[in-house]
Amino acid sequence: MKASEQYYLQYSHHVEIERQQAIDEGKNISAELAAKYEKLVLMQWNDPQREEMAATYIDEMGKQPLRADFSFVEPSNLPEILMERSAAELSAVQSIPYEDLADKMYGAWLGRSAGCLLGQPIEGWSKERIMGLLRETGNLPVHYYISSEIDPEIAKKYGVINEGGSYGNECVSWINNVKHMVEDDDMNYTIIGLAVVEKYGYDFSPDDVAESWLNLLPLLRTCTAERIAYRNLANRLDPPLSATYRNVYREWIGAQIRVDLYGYINPGNPAKAAEMAWRDASISHVKNGIYGAMWTAAMLAMAAVTDNRQDVIKAGLGQIPANCRLAEDIRSVLNWYEENVNFDTVVERIHQKYDESNPHHWCHTLSNAMIVAASLLYGEGELEATIGLAIISGFDTDCNAATAGSIVGMQKGARSLPEKWVKPLNDKIRSGVDGFGIVSLSHLAERTMKLIENNPYLK
């Protein structure tokens, strides 16, 4: 097990993230716990008491009450989430000609793959490093995938290497190293969503999603909140306890990247897409971690029936609590766009609020959702512009470009996507999900259409 893989299973490494997460959630942290934190950070890593103390610290932090002055209302259970939605932002079910759907579904799978492939090789890079490489290789504004076949001095300057691919990929997934869409967790979960609904139907339960993970996905294909939830599930801690037990990543981006399929199969029905996303997200996340998933799925459902980017984003907002941190952040982006604030200034404001050098901010739902919203708005409905803006904004590049690309792909349909972004995919994807292997994207789109044909919740 690599050091980075071990990191996510050791409580000793979770203490700082738990402290920040508790502050975000508005918890009133006791003086006793604050003192315990100070003691923990001074202990040696190999001290056998440190791991035990870290685990109890996380347990005790979970019991802390909210501050009296915390202004947000952020439930995690579905009935309360539905009660806290804004009636003004709710969208009615809309219909779409069935003959248009097949092209849109294929477009969504292609757009998600293209965005993910663009962002994967630079995942974890700072915005400055990304911009520097793109600028010095003549790819700014972004007009194509990123290659490692560049001037050796530029490659050395920015640490462009070919060895060390992620998720079982032999090389880093620069465009010159790939022959199809490579494996990535963003894509694995979209495929798992397909497998879940194919097996259990539209009324699957959180337990069904959990069982699918354990059956179809190896542990080391998971990260952060998903890895903690996986461990909890293996220890017979069922949802929703699997999401909360010693899970310091409970509001990170993981659920937001998992739920595109539920938007795909509910075209024009944001409420159903969001409700299905809740069932998936609730096995590993709480509060804004869940809301990010519901927002994304609802946006994709709306993207099937309208090209209006603001309406798509607002449809997502209509499915989450009106007074939550995510809603506040997304409304900020919408307001800046409507006030004609330029994109660079919007990104600067996001970076002022969230520090990309802080892992908790870098991988959080909120910071990355703001980038998705901004990329959609300022990308003006074009795939190239949208996924390009997503990666130059920094933070979680492959996740954000994948989500934004998925939405644009749904809106435009496969036939309208630029060939230069689609052709390198060769209509294939390599999956780490058991039973899929290398499969054609068009086949996945066809299977998605079969689910829609049996959707009991569409008009």
Protein backbone atom coordinates (compact mmCIF):
# COMPACT_ATOMS: atom_id res chain seq x y z
CA MET A 1 0.00 0.00 0.00
CA LYS A 2 1.38 3.40 -1.02
CA ALA A 3 1.81 6.11 1.59
CA SER A 4 -1.04 8.11 0.06
CA GLU A 5 -3.31 5.07 0.23
CA GLN A 6 -2.40 4.37 3.85
CA TYR A 7 -3.07 8.03 4.69
CA TYR A 8 -6.80 7.71 4.26
CA LEU A 9 -7.08 4.78 6.65
CA GLN A 10 -5.15 6.25 9.58
CA TYR A 11 -7.05 8.34 12.10
CA SER A 12 -3.83 10.10 13.09
CA HIS A 13 -3.83 11.87 9.73
CA HIS A 14 -7.48 12.86 10.03
CA VAL A 15 -7.29 15.11 13.06
CA GLU A 16 -6.65 18.42 11.27
CA ILE A 17 -9.33 17.73 8.65
CA GLU A 18 -11.85 16.90 11.40
CA ARG A 19 -11.05 20.17 13.17
CA GLN A 20 -11.63 22.18 9.99
CA GLN A 21 -14.76 20.23 9.11
CA ALA A 22 -16.24 20.80 12.56
CA ILE A 23 -15.60 24.54 12.26
CA ASP A 24 -17.27 24.55 8.82
CA GLU A 25 -20.32 22.79 10.24
CA GLY A 26 -20.64 25.43 12.95
CA LYS A 27 -19.83 23.20 15.90
CA ASN A 28 -19.16 24.67 19.31
CA ILE A 29 -15.82 23.01 20.05
CA SER A 30 -15.18 22.56 23.76
CA ALA A 31 -12.02 23.81 25.44
CA GLU A 32 -11.21 20.22 26.38
CA LEU A 33 -11.29 19.11 22.75
CA ALA A 34 -9.25 22.11 21.65
CA ALA A 35 -6.61 21.13 24.19
CA LYS A 36 -6.68 17.52 23.02
CA TYR A 37 -6.05 18.71 19.45
CA GLU A 38 -3.00 20.69 20.56
CA LYS A 39 -1.66 17.62 22.34
CA LEU A 40 -2.28 15.37 19.33
CA VAL A 41 -0.42 17.52 16.83
CA LEU A 42 2.67 17.50 19.07
CA MET A 43 2.79 13.71 19.40
CA GLN A 44 5.19 11.62 17.34
CA TRP A 45 3.62 9.83 14.38
CA ASN A 46 4.84 6.44 15.61
CA ASP A 47 3.48 6.93 19.13
CA PRO A 48 1.06 3.99 19.60
CA GLN A 49 -1.26 6.16 21.68
CA ARG A 50 -1.64 8.73 18.93
CA GLU A 51 -3.90 6.59 16.73
CA GLU A 52 -6.15 5.67 19.66
CA MET A 53 -6.36 9.27 20.85
CA ALA A 54 -7.07 10.50 17.30
CA ALA A 55 -10.00 8.08 16.98
CA THR A 56 -11.56 9.24 20.25
CA TYR A 57 -10.97 12.88 19.25
CA ILE A 58 -12.98 12.32 16.05
CA ASP A 59 -15.74 10.53 17.99
CA GLU A 60 -16.01 13.32 20.55
CA MET A 61 -15.97 16.02 17.89
CA GLY A 62 -19.00 14.40 16.29
CA LYS A 63 -20.98 14.95 19.49
CA GLN A 64 -20.30 18.68 19.72
CA PRO A 65 -23.40 20.89 19.41
CA LEU A 66 -23.81 23.65 16.86
CA ARG A 67 -23.02 27.22 17.85
CA ALA A 68 -26.04 29.33 18.71
CA ASP A 69 -25.06 31.87 16.07
CA PHE A 70 -24.65 29.36 13.20
CA SER A 71 -27.05 30.70 10.59
CA PHE A 72 -27.32 27.79 8.14
CA VAL A 73 -29.93 25.01 8.23
CA GLU A 74 -28.29 21.84 6.89
CA PRO A 75 -30.09 18.53 7.47
CA SER A 76 -28.84 15.27 5.99
CA ASN A 77 -32.04 13.22 5.93
CA LEU A 78 -34.21 13.49 2.85
CA PRO A 79 -37.56 14.60 4.37
CA GLU A 80 -35.91 17.56 6.10
CA ILE A 81 -33.90 18.46 2.99
CA LEU A 82 -37.12 18.57 0.97
CA MET A 83 -38.77 20.79 3.57
CA GLU A 84 -35.88 23.27 3.43
CA ARG A 85 -36.00 23.79 -0.35
CA SER A 86 -36.99 27.13 -1.82
CA ALA A 87 -40.39 26.94 -3.51
CA ALA A 88 -39.34 29.76 -5.83
CA GLU A 89 -36.49 27.66 -7.25
CA LEU A 90 -38.34 24.39 -7.76
CA SER A 91 -38.74 23.21 -11.36
CA ALA A 92 -41.71 21.30 -12.73
CA VAL A 93 -41.24 18.08 -14.66
CA GLN A 94 -40.67 18.85 -18.33
CA SER A 95 -40.94 16.52 -21.30
CA ILE A 96 -38.58 16.11 -24.24
CA PRO A 97 -39.11 14.31 -27.56
CA TYR A 98 -37.88 10.77 -27.09
CA GLU A 99 -36.08 10.78 -30.43
CA ASP A 100 -33.73 13.52 -29.15
CA LEU A 101 -32.66 11.62 -26.07
CA ALA A 102 -30.29 9.04 -27.54
CA ASP A 103 -27.98 11.71 -28.94
CA LYS A 104 -28.08 13.63 -25.66
CA MET A 105 -27.22 10.57 -23.59
CA TYR A 106 -24.26 9.76 -25.79
CA GLY A 107 -23.23 13.42 -25.66
CA ALA A 108 -23.31 13.37 -21.86
CA TRP A 109 -21.09 10.29 -21.66
CA LEU A 110 -18.69 11.80 -24.21
CA GLY A 111 -18.63 15.23 -22.56
CA ARG A 112 -17.97 13.73 -19.15
CA SER A 113 -15.15 11.60 -20.54
CA ALA A 114 -13.56 14.50 -22.43
CA GLY A 115 -13.58 16.78 -19.39
CA CYS A 116 -12.20 14.07 -17.15
CA LEU A 117 -9.42 13.19 -19.61
CA LEU A 118 -8.44 16.84 -19.97
CA GLY A 119 -8.19 17.37 -16.23
CA GLN A 120 -6.78 14.05 -15.01
CA PRO A 121 -3.04 14.56 -15.76
CA ILE A 122 -2.98 17.88 -13.88
CA GLU A 123 -5.12 16.84 -10.92
CA GLY A 124 -3.48 18.15 -7.77
CA TRP A 125 -1.61 20.93 -9.56
CA SER A 126 -1.85 24.52 -8.39
CA LYS A 127 -3.60 27.05 -10.59
CA GLU A 128 -0.29 28.84 -11.16
CA ARG A 129 1.41 25.65 -12.34
CA ILE A 130 -1.49 24.77 -14.66
CA MET A 131 -1.58 28.24 -16.19
CA GLY A 132 2.20 28.28 -16.63
CA LEU A 133 2.29 24.98 -18.52
CA LEU A 134 -0.64 25.92 -20.74
CA ARG A 135 0.76 29.36 -21.49
CA GLU A 136 4.24 28.12 -22.35
CA THR A 137 2.91 25.34 -24.61
CA GLY A 138 0.57 27.64 -26.53
CA ASN A 139 -2.60 26.04 -25.13
CA LEU A 140 -4.16 29.06 -23.48
CA PRO A 141 -7.07 29.55 -23.99
CA VAL A 142 -7.36 25.79 -23.88
CA HIS A 143 -7.98 24.42 -27.37
CA TYR A 144 -6.89 20.78 -27.03
CA TYR A 145 -5.91 18.06 -24.60
CA ILE A 146 -2.54 18.40 -22.85
CA SER A 147 0.48 16.54 -24.22
CA SER A 148 3.77 15.54 -22.63
CA GLU A 149 5.49 15.77 -26.01
CA ILE A 150 6.74 19.29 -25.34
CA ASP A 151 10.04 21.13 -25.02
CA PRO A 152 12.13 19.17 -22.47
CA GLU A 153 12.96 22.35 -20.57
CA ILE A 154 9.29 23.21 -20.19
CA ALA A 155 8.57 19.63 -19.13
CA LYS A 156 11.29 19.81 -16.49
CA LYS A 157 10.13 23.21 -15.26
CA TYR A 158 6.57 22.01 -14.64
CA GLY A 159 7.28 18.40 -13.65
CA VAL A 160 5.65 16.85 -16.71
CA ILE A 161 6.42 13.13 -16.49
CA ASN A 162 4.96 10.06 -18.15
CA GLU A 163 5.46 7.44 -15.44
CA GLY A 164 3.13 6.96 -12.52
CA GLY A 165 -0.38 6.85 -13.90
CA SER A 166 -3.30 6.61 -11.48
CA TYR A 167 -6.07 3.99 -11.22
CA GLY A 168 -4.02 1.27 -12.84
CA ASN A 169 -3.17 3.35 -15.90
CA GLU A 170 0.42 2.58 -16.90
CA CYS A 171 1.31 6.17 -17.80
CA VAL A 172 0.13 9.62 -16.86
CA SER A 173 -2.86 10.26 -19.11
CA TRP A 174 -1.46 12.99 -21.36
CA ILE A 175 -3.19 12.85 -24.71
CA ASN A 176 -0.16 11.30 -26.43
CA ASN A 177 -0.28 8.37 -24.00
CA VAL A 178 -3.92 7.33 -24.43
CA LYS A 179 -5.90 5.37 -27.01
CA HIS A 180 -9.27 5.67 -25.31
CA MET A 181 -10.84 7.14 -22.19
CA VAL A 182 -8.72 5.93 -19.29
CA GLU A 183 -9.92 4.67 -15.95
CA ASP A 184 -10.78 7.33 -13.39
CA ASP A 185 -12.91 7.33 -10.26
CA ASP A 186 -15.16 10.01 -11.80
CA MET A 187 -16.07 7.56 -14.57
CA ASN A 188 -16.11 4.42 -12.42
CA TYR A 189 -18.92 5.80 -10.29
CA THR A 190 -21.01 6.81 -13.31
CA ILE A 191 -20.74 3.22 -14.50
CA ILE A 192 -21.59 1.88 -11.04
CA GLY A 193 -24.70 4.06 -11.06
CA LEU A 194 -25.71 2.38 -14.30
CA ALA A 195 -25.10 -1.07 -12.79
CA VAL A 196 -27.10 -0.18 -9.66
CA VAL A 197 -30.21 0.92 -11.56
CA GLU A 198 -29.97 -1.97 -14.01
CA LYS A 199 -29.99 -4.44 -11.13
CA TYR A 200 -32.25 -2.79 -8.56
CA GLY A 201 -34.41 -0.41 -10.61
CA TYR A 202 -35.32 3.21 -9.99
CA ASP A 203 -36.28 2.52 -6.38
CA PHE A 204 -32.90 1.17 -5.25
CA SER A 205 -31.91 1.80 -1.64
CA PRO A 206 -28.71 3.15 -0.08
CA ASP A 207 -28.00 -0.43 0.98
CA ASP A 208 -28.17 -1.49 -2.67
CA VAL A 209 -25.52 1.09 -3.58
CA ALA A 210 -23.35 -0.06 -0.69
CA GLU A 211 -23.64 -3.69 -1.77
CA SER A 212 -22.72 -2.73 -5.32
CA TRP A 213 -19.57 -0.98 -4.13
CA LEU A 214 -18.45 -4.02 -2.18
CA ASN A 215 -19.19 -6.35 -5.09
CA LEU A 216 -17.96 -4.26 -8.00
CA LEU A 217 -15.25 -1.89 -6.80
CA PRO A 218 -11.86 -2.68 -5.21
CA LEU A 219 -11.04 -0.73 -2.04
CA LEU A 220 -8.01 1.00 -3.56
CA ARG A 221 -10.17 2.41 -6.37
CA THR A 222 -11.84 4.58 -3.74
CA CYS A 223 -10.64 7.82 -2.12
CA THR A 224 -11.34 9.96 0.95
CA ALA A 225 -15.00 9.74 2.04
CA GLU A 226 -15.67 6.73 -0.17
CA ARG A 227 -12.72 4.84 1.28
CA ILE A 228 -13.83 5.53 4.84
CA ALA A 229 -17.40 4.53 3.98
CA TYR A 230 -16.12 1.38 2.27
CA ARG A 231 -14.22 0.41 5.41
CA ASN A 232 -17.31 1.10 7.52
CA LEU A 233 -19.50 -1.00 5.23
CA ALA A 234 -17.01 -3.88 5.38
CA ASN A 235 -17.26 -3.63 9.18
CA ARG A 236 -21.08 -4.00 8.98
CA LEU A 237 -21.84 -0.34 9.61
CA ASP A 238 -24.84 0.23 7.33
CA PRO A 239 -25.98 3.56 5.83
CA PRO A 240 -26.30 6.23 7.09
CA LEU A 241 -23.81 5.28 9.83
CA SER A 242 -21.32 4.39 7.09
CA ALA A 243 -21.24 8.08 6.19
CA THR A 244 -20.76 9.46 9.68
CA TYR A 245 -18.60 7.04 11.64
CA ARG A 246 -15.12 8.61 11.85
CA ASN A 247 -15.52 10.05 8.36
CA VAL A 248 -13.75 13.40 8.32
CA TYR A 249 -14.24 13.72 4.54
CA ARG A 250 -18.02 13.75 4.82
CA GLU A 251 -18.44 17.02 2.91
CA TRP A 252 -15.73 16.49 0.32
CA ILE A 253 -16.40 16.24 -3.42
CA GLY A 254 -16.82 12.46 -3.69
CA ALA A 255 -20.62 12.29 -3.83
CA GLN A 256 -20.81 15.19 -6.28
CA ILE A 257 -18.80 13.22 -8.85
CA ARG A 258 -20.80 9.99 -8.48
CA VAL A 259 -24.32 10.84 -9.52
CA ASP A 260 -24.42 11.91 -13.17
CA LEU A 261 -26.24 8.73 -14.17
CA TYR A 262 -29.28 9.69 -12.06
CA GLY A 263 -29.56 12.94 -13.98
CA TYR A 264 -29.14 11.11 -17.29
CA ILE A 265 -32.04 8.75 -16.67
CA ASN A 266 -34.46 11.41 -15.41
CA PRO A 267 -34.50 13.91 -18.30
CA GLY A 268 -36.68 16.88 -17.37
CA ASN A 269 -37.27 15.63 -13.80
CA PRO A 270 -34.73 17.33 -11.48
CA ALA A 271 -36.57 16.31 -8.32
CA LYS A 272 -36.37 12.59 -9.05
CA ALA A 273 -32.74 12.86 -10.14
CA ALA A 274 -31.86 14.64 -6.89
CA GLU A 275 -33.76 12.14 -4.77
CA MET A 276 -31.91 9.23 -6.37
CA ALA A 277 -28.63 11.10 -5.86
CA TRP A 278 -29.48 11.45 -2.16
CA ARG A 279 -29.82 7.68 -1.86
CA ASP A 280 -26.34 7.24 -3.32
CA ALA A 281 -24.64 10.14 -1.54
CA SER A 282 -26.02 9.31 1.90
CA ILE A 283 -23.85 6.20 2.25
CA SER A 284 -20.70 8.32 2.46
CA HIS A 285 -21.57 12.00 2.94
CA VAL A 286 -23.62 14.44 4.99
CA LYS A 287 -24.99 17.96 4.57
CA ASN A 288 -23.25 19.85 1.76
CA GLY A 289 -21.53 16.68 0.59
CA ILE A 290 -25.01 15.33 -0.13
CA TYR A 291 -26.28 18.63 -1.52
CA GLY A 292 -23.50 18.76 -4.10
CA ALA A 293 -24.66 15.40 -5.42
CA MET A 294 -28.32 16.44 -5.51
CA TRP A 295 -27.44 19.73 -7.22
CA THR A 296 -25.39 17.97 -9.91
CA ALA A 297 -27.97 15.29 -10.69
CA ALA A 298 -30.77 17.84 -10.86
CA MET A 299 -28.74 20.06 -13.21
CA LEU A 300 -28.18 17.14 -15.57
CA ALA A 301 -31.88 16.30 -15.59
CA MET A 302 -32.66 19.91 -16.50
CA ALA A 303 -29.84 20.09 -19.05
CA ALA A 304 -31.71 17.50 -21.12
CA VAL A 305 -34.56 19.94 -21.72
CA THR A 306 -32.98 23.41 -21.86
CA ASP A 307 -29.87 25.15 -23.16
CA ASN A 308 -30.28 27.98 -20.62
CA ARG A 309 -27.30 27.64 -18.30
CA GLN A 310 -28.75 29.77 -15.51
CA ASP A 311 -31.96 27.74 -15.52
CA VAL A 312 -29.91 24.55 -15.26
CA ILE A 313 -27.97 25.82 -12.24
CA LYS A 314 -31.11 27.17 -10.57
CA ALA A 315 -32.87 23.85 -11.11
CA GLY A 316 -30.09 22.27 -9.09
CA LEU A 317 -30.44 24.89 -6.38
CA GLY A 318 -34.13 24.13 -6.18
CA GLN A 319 -33.40 20.65 -4.89
CA ILE A 320 -31.19 21.58 -1.92
CA PRO A 321 -31.86 23.54 1.28
CA ALA A 322 -32.28 27.22 0.51
CA ASN A 323 -30.22 28.24 3.53
CA CYS A 324 -27.12 26.06 3.22
CA ARG A 325 -23.50 26.92 2.49
CA LEU A 326 -23.62 25.40 -0.98
CA ALA A 327 -26.66 27.43 -2.00
CA GLU A 328 -24.98 30.59 -0.74
CA ASP A 329 -21.81 29.90 -2.72
CA ILE A 330 -23.62 29.03 -5.96
CA ARG A 331 -25.83 32.10 -5.69
CA SER A 332 -22.69 34.19 -5.31
CA VAL A 333 -21.41 32.85 -8.64
CA LEU A 334 -24.77 33.48 -10.31
CA ASN A 335 -24.85 37.04 -8.97
CA TRP A 336 -21.32 37.76 -10.18
CA TYR A 337 -22.22 36.51 -13.64
CA GLU A 338 -25.37 38.62 -13.74
CA GLU A 339 -23.33 41.63 -12.59
CA ASN A 340 -20.92 41.09 -15.52
CA VAL A 341 -17.94 40.34 -13.29
CA ASN A 342 -15.26 38.85 -15.55
CA PHE A 343 -14.28 35.20 -15.23
CA ASP A 344 -10.75 35.85 -13.93
CA THR A 345 -12.16 37.94 -11.10
CA VAL A 346 -14.70 35.24 -10.26
CA VAL A 347 -11.94 32.64 -10.00
CA GLU A 348 -9.84 35.02 -7.91
CA ARG A 349 -12.76 35.44 -5.50
CA ILE A 350 -13.16 31.67 -5.21
CA HIS A 351 -9.46 31.34 -4.43
CA GLN A 352 -9.73 34.10 -1.83
CA LYS A 353 -12.47 32.21 -0.03
CA TYR A 354 -10.94 28.74 -0.42
CA ASP A 355 -7.22 28.01 -0.25
CA GLU A 356 -6.13 25.50 -2.90
CA SER A 357 -3.03 24.66 -0.85
CA ASN A 358 -5.28 23.43 1.96
CA PRO A 359 -6.33 19.82 1.19
CA HIS A 360 -9.65 20.37 2.95
CA HIS A 361 -10.50 23.27 0.66
CA TRP A 362 -8.95 21.71 -2.43
CA CYS A 363 -11.18 18.63 -2.31
CA HIS A 364 -14.30 20.12 -0.72
CA THR A 365 -17.71 20.16 -2.38
CA LEU A 366 -18.13 23.92 -2.00
CA SER A 367 -14.99 25.24 -3.68
CA ASN A 368 -15.33 22.85 -6.60
CA ALA A 369 -19.06 23.41 -7.06
CA MET A 370 -18.37 27.12 -7.44
CA ILE A 371 -15.88 26.33 -10.22
CA VAL A 372 -18.38 24.06 -11.97
CA ALA A 373 -21.02 26.79 -11.86
CA ALA A 374 -18.62 29.47 -13.10
CA SER A 375 -17.31 27.26 -15.91
CA LEU A 376 -20.83 26.51 -17.09
CA LEU A 377 -21.89 30.14 -17.06
CA TYR A 378 -18.83 31.63 -18.71
CA GLY A 379 -18.30 28.68 -21.08
CA GLU A 380 -21.40 29.86 -22.96
CA GLY A 381 -22.61 26.35 -23.73
CA GLU A 382 -19.52 25.25 -25.65
CA LEU A 383 -17.66 22.11 -24.58
CA GLU A 384 -14.16 23.39 -25.30
CA ALA A 385 -14.60 26.68 -23.48
CA THR A 386 -16.40 25.10 -20.52
CA ILE A 387 -13.95 22.32 -19.72
CA GLY A 388 -11.03 24.64 -20.47
CA LEU A 389 -12.27 27.16 -17.91
CA ALA A 390 -12.81 24.34 -15.42
CA ILE A 391 -9.18 23.24 -15.51
CA ILE A 392 -7.55 26.69 -15.51
CA SER A 393 -9.49 27.47 -12.32
CA GLY A 394 -7.45 24.92 -10.37
CA PHE A 395 -8.71 22.83 -7.47
CA ASP A 396 -10.01 19.36 -8.51
CA THR A 397 -9.50 19.67 -12.24
CA ASP A 398 -10.69 16.31 -13.53
CA CYS A 399 -13.78 16.23 -11.32
CA ASN A 400 -14.90 19.73 -12.27
CA ALA A 401 -14.21 19.39 -15.99
CA ALA A 402 -15.99 16.02 -16.02
CA THR A 403 -19.13 17.40 -14.35
CA ALA A 404 -19.22 20.53 -16.49
CA GLY A 405 -18.48 18.52 -19.64
CA SER A 406 -21.26 16.09 -18.80
CA ILE A 407 -23.80 18.92 -18.57
CA VAL A 408 -22.69 20.58 -21.82
CA GLY A 409 -22.60 17.21 -23.56
CA MET A 410 -26.18 16.58 -22.45
CA GLN A 411 -27.32 19.97 -23.70
CA LYS A 412 -25.64 19.79 -27.10
CA GLY A 413 -25.83 16.08 -27.89
CA ALA A 414 -23.07 13.95 -29.36
CA ARG A 415 -23.52 15.14 -32.96
CA SER A 416 -22.76 18.74 -31.96
CA LEU A 417 -19.60 18.07 -29.95
CA PRO A 418 -16.29 19.06 -31.62
CA GLU A 419 -14.59 16.10 -33.26
CA LYS A 420 -11.17 17.03 -31.85
CA TRP A 421 -12.49 16.46 -28.32
CA VAL A 422 -14.42 13.30 -29.15
CA LYS A 423 -12.21 11.45 -31.62
CA PRO A 424 -9.29 10.72 -29.20
CA LEU A 425 -11.72 8.81 -26.98
CA ASN A 426 -12.24 6.26 -29.77
CA ASP A 427 -15.67 5.55 -28.29
CA LYS A 428 -14.06 3.41 -25.56
CA ILE A 429 -13.49 3.62 -21.85
CA ARG A 430 -11.48 1.46 -19.51
CA SER A 431 -13.32 0.85 -16.26
CA GLY A 432 -12.23 -0.50 -12.90
CA VAL A 433 -15.79 -1.69 -12.23
CA ASP A 434 -16.07 -5.46 -12.18
CA GLY A 435 -17.74 -6.84 -15.27
CA PHE A 436 -17.15 -3.85 -17.52
CA GLY A 437 -13.45 -3.75 -18.47
CA ILE A 438 -13.00 -1.86 -21.73
CA VAL A 439 -16.44 -0.95 -23.03
CA SER A 440 -17.71 1.42 -25.70
CA LEU A 441 -19.19 4.72 -24.59
CA SER A 442 -21.94 4.34 -27.15
CA HIS A 443 -22.89 1.02 -25.55
CA LEU A 444 -23.10 2.70 -22.14
CA ALA A 445 -25.34 5.35 -23.70
CA GLU A 446 -27.55 2.63 -25.20
CA ARG A 447 -27.89 0.96 -21.80
CA THR A 448 -28.77 4.36 -20.33
CA MET A 449 -31.54 4.70 -22.91
CA LYS A 450 -32.95 1.31 -21.95
CA LEU A 451 -33.29 2.54 -18.38
CA ILE A 452 -35.11 5.65 -19.56
CA GLU A 453 -37.54 3.49 -21.55
CA ASN A 454 -38.58 1.89 -18.27
CA ASN A 455 -38.60 5.09 -16.19
CA PRO A 456 -41.87 5.10 -14.23
CA TYR A 457 -41.44 8.74 -13.20
CA LEU A 458 -41.43 10.44 -16.61
CA LYS A 459 -44.50 11.76 -18.34
